[in-house]
Amino acid sequence: MLPGTSKEHALTLAERIRKTVEKHRYEFESGKQAVAVTITLGVSVVNPRGIIRERFMLEIRRI
């Protein structure tokens, strides 16, 4: 959750996180093999007025 953040800024941040994860090579403890990882992130804008926190968290988990 990024309270007070615009949709555009949240999208920019999500893309930076995605690129950072994509560039990193994750090595197994043996160091003999590395894997590439990619992720998908989404952004949703919600007007929090009148939404109970617990209900908000339940809605997020459904996505």
Protein backbone atom coordinates (compact mmCIF):
# COMPACT_ATOMS: atom_id res chain seq x y z
CA MET A 1 0.00 0.00 0.00
CA LEU A 2 1.24 3.44 -0.91
CA PRO A 3 -1.04 5.96 0.81
CA GLY A 4 -0.98 9.43 -0.73
CA THR A 5 0.76 8.20 -3.88
CA SER A 6 -0.55 9.02 -7.34
CA LYS A 7 -1.34 6.25 -9.80
CA GLU A 8 1.46 7.46 -12.08
CA HIS A 9 4.04 7.37 -9.29
CA ALA A 10 2.87 3.92 -8.18
CA LEU A 11 3.21 2.63 -11.76
CA THR A 12 6.72 4.11 -12.01
CA LEU A 13 7.70 2.47 -8.72
CA ALA A 14 6.22 -0.88 -9.78
CA GLU A 15 8.19 -0.78 -13.03
CA ARG A 16 11.43 0.03 -11.18
CA ILE A 17 10.86 -2.92 -8.84
CA ARG A 18 10.07 -5.22 -11.79
CA LYS A 19 13.24 -4.21 -13.64
CA THR A 20 15.38 -4.61 -10.51
CA VAL A 21 14.11 -8.16 -9.94
CA GLU A 22 14.53 -9.01 -13.64
CA LYS A 23 18.17 -7.84 -13.74
CA HIS A 24 19.21 -9.79 -10.65
CA ARG A 25 20.45 -13.37 -10.99
CA TYR A 26 19.44 -15.56 -8.09
CA GLU A 27 22.03 -18.22 -7.32
CA PHE A 28 21.53 -21.46 -5.49
CA GLU A 29 23.66 -22.01 -2.38
CA SER A 30 25.99 -24.23 -4.37
CA GLY A 31 26.77 -21.30 -6.66
CA LYS A 32 26.70 -23.65 -9.64
CA GLN A 33 23.42 -22.49 -11.10
CA ALA A 34 21.62 -19.17 -11.30
CA VAL A 35 18.03 -18.55 -12.24
CA ALA A 36 16.33 -15.55 -13.75
CA VAL A 37 13.15 -14.37 -12.07
CA THR A 38 10.44 -12.12 -13.42
CA ILE A 39 7.45 -10.69 -11.62
CA THR A 40 4.18 -9.05 -12.52
CA LEU A 41 2.92 -6.16 -10.43
CA GLY A 42 -0.40 -4.39 -10.50
CA VAL A 43 -1.61 -1.02 -9.31
CA SER A 44 -5.07 -0.27 -8.04
CA VAL A 45 -6.30 3.12 -6.88
CA VAL A 46 -8.84 3.15 -4.07
CA ASN A 47 -10.59 6.00 -2.32
CA PRO A 48 -10.18 4.92 1.31
CA ARG A 49 -13.01 7.05 2.69
CA GLY A 50 -15.63 4.85 4.24
CA ILE A 51 -13.66 1.63 3.71
CA ILE A 52 -12.86 -0.39 6.79
CA ARG A 53 -9.22 -1.52 6.78
CA GLU A 54 -10.07 -5.21 7.22
CA ARG A 55 -12.50 -5.12 4.28
CA PHE A 56 -9.93 -3.31 2.17
CA MET A 57 -7.35 -6.02 2.88
CA LEU A 58 -9.87 -8.74 1.98
CA GLU A 59 -10.59 -7.02 -1.33
CA ILE A 60 -6.87 -6.77 -2.11
CA ARG A 61 -6.38 -10.50 -1.50
CA ARG A 62 -9.08 -11.29 -4.07
CA ILE A 63 -7.13 -9.59 -6.86
